């Protein structure tokens, strides 16, 4: 069974195009749409298992410096309860929250 996560991203102003170029090349990214307002980008990542899904999601999010906020939404499946994970994004360079 394929696992998926929807990720809502808030990208720094005027940096959406650059973020899209980076994220298009990431493995597992199947949907990538720019939105009006905040969040201003949504992507869907798929993987064969939840562990790989987590790895691909972290890799995609940390590959874009322009992200100021993210929210990851795991769809309900097989009667499981929905999981919603939110956290501030940290800069790879400074380790500070943005």
Protein backbone atom coordinates (compact mmCIF):
# COMPACT_ATOMS: atom_id res chain seq x y z
CA UNK A 1 0.00 0.00 0.00
CA UNK A 2 1.24 3.46 -0.89
CA UNK A 3 1.55 5.96 1.95
CA UNK A 4 1.19 9.68 1.37
CA UNK A 5 1.47 12.97 3.19
CA UNK A 6 0.22 16.41 2.21
CA UNK A 7 2.57 19.20 3.24
CA UNK A 8 1.45 22.83 3.42
CA UNK A 9 4.37 25.24 3.17
CA UNK A 10 4.74 28.94 3.78
CA UNK A 11 7.56 30.20 1.57
CA UNK A 12 9.32 33.55 1.90
CA UNK A 13 7.87 36.18 -0.40
CA UNK A 14 9.18 36.05 -3.99
CA UNK A 15 10.93 32.69 -3.39
CA UNK A 16 8.13 30.30 -4.40
CA UNK A 17 9.45 29.73 -7.91
CA UNK A 18 12.89 28.80 -6.57
CA UNK A 19 11.33 26.42 -4.00
CA UNK A 20 9.25 24.73 -6.71
CA UNK A 21 12.36 24.14 -8.84
CA UNK A 22 14.10 22.42 -5.92
CA UNK A 23 11.12 20.37 -4.77
CA UNK A 24 10.27 19.09 -8.29
CA UNK A 25 13.54 17.15 -8.27
CA UNK A 26 12.96 15.49 -4.90
CA UNK A 27 12.07 11.79 -4.86
CA UNK A 28 8.51 10.98 -3.82
CA UNK A 29 7.05 14.41 -4.64
CA UNK A 30 3.94 13.73 -6.76
CA UNK A 31 1.91 16.95 -6.44
CA UNK A 32 3.30 20.46 -6.12
CA UNK A 33 0.97 23.45 -6.43
CA UNK A 34 1.46 27.14 -5.69
CA UNK A 35 -1.44 28.66 -3.74
CA UNK A 36 -2.71 32.18 -3.21
CA UNK A 37 -2.10 33.45 0.31
CA UNK A 38 -0.52 31.49 3.15
CA UNK A 39 0.32 28.70 3.05
CA UNK A 40 1.50 29.38 -0.47
CA UNK A 41 2.66 25.92 -1.56
CA UNK A 42 1.18 22.43 -1.18
CA UNK A 43 2.92 19.19 -2.04
CA UNK A 44 2.05 15.53 -1.78
CA UNK A 45 4.76 12.98 -1.16
CA UNK A 46 4.26 9.23 -1.61
CA UNK A 47 6.32 6.24 -0.50
CA UNK A 48 5.80 2.48 -0.14
CA UNK A 49 6.09 2.57 3.68
CA UNK A 50 5.77 5.13 6.50
CA UNK A 51 9.45 5.10 7.40
CA UNK A 52 10.49 6.00 3.85
CA UNK A 53 7.65 8.55 3.73
CA UNK A 54 9.07 10.28 6.80
CA UNK A 55 12.58 10.27 5.31
CA UNK A 56 11.43 11.70 1.96
CA UNK A 57 9.32 14.36 3.70
CA UNK A 58 12.19 15.52 5.90
CA UNK A 59 14.55 15.54 2.92
CA UNK A 60 12.14 17.65 0.84
CA UNK A 61 11.44 20.16 3.61
CA UNK A 62 15.07 20.64 4.61
CA UNK A 63 16.16 21.11 0.98
CA UNK A 64 14.41 24.49 0.73
CA UNK A 65 15.87 27.38 2.73
CA UNK A 66 12.91 29.65 1.89
CA UNK A 67 10.39 27.73 4.03
CA UNK A 68 9.26 29.67 7.09
CA UNK A 69 6.54 27.27 8.29
CA UNK A 70 5.21 23.83 7.46
CA UNK A 71 2.31 21.60 8.38
CA UNK A 72 2.24 17.91 7.51
CA UNK A 73 -1.11 16.15 7.15
CA UNK A 74 -1.23 12.34 7.12
CA UNK A 75 -4.52 11.05 5.65
CA UNK A 76 -6.67 8.66 7.68
CA UNK A 77 -6.48 5.10 6.44
CA UNK A 78 -7.88 1.76 7.53
CA UNK A 79 -9.82 3.29 10.43
CA UNK A 80 -6.74 4.86 12.00
CA UNK A 81 -7.05 8.30 13.54
CA UNK A 82 -5.67 11.23 11.58
CA UNK A 83 -2.24 12.54 12.55
CA UNK A 84 -1.36 16.18 12.17
CA UNK A 85 2.23 17.17 12.75
CA UNK A 86 3.34 20.77 12.95
CA UNK A 87 6.71 22.22 13.83
CA UNK A 88 8.75 25.32 13.13
CA UNK A 89 11.41 24.91 10.48
CA UNK A 90 14.99 25.43 11.56
CA UNK A 91 17.65 26.94 9.38
CA UNK A 92 20.33 24.41 8.47
CA UNK A 93 22.97 27.09 8.70
CA UNK A 94 22.16 28.74 12.00
CA UNK A 95 19.97 26.22 13.82
CA UNK A 96 17.60 29.08 14.65
CA UNK A 97 13.86 28.98 14.20
CA UNK A 98 12.56 31.08 11.35
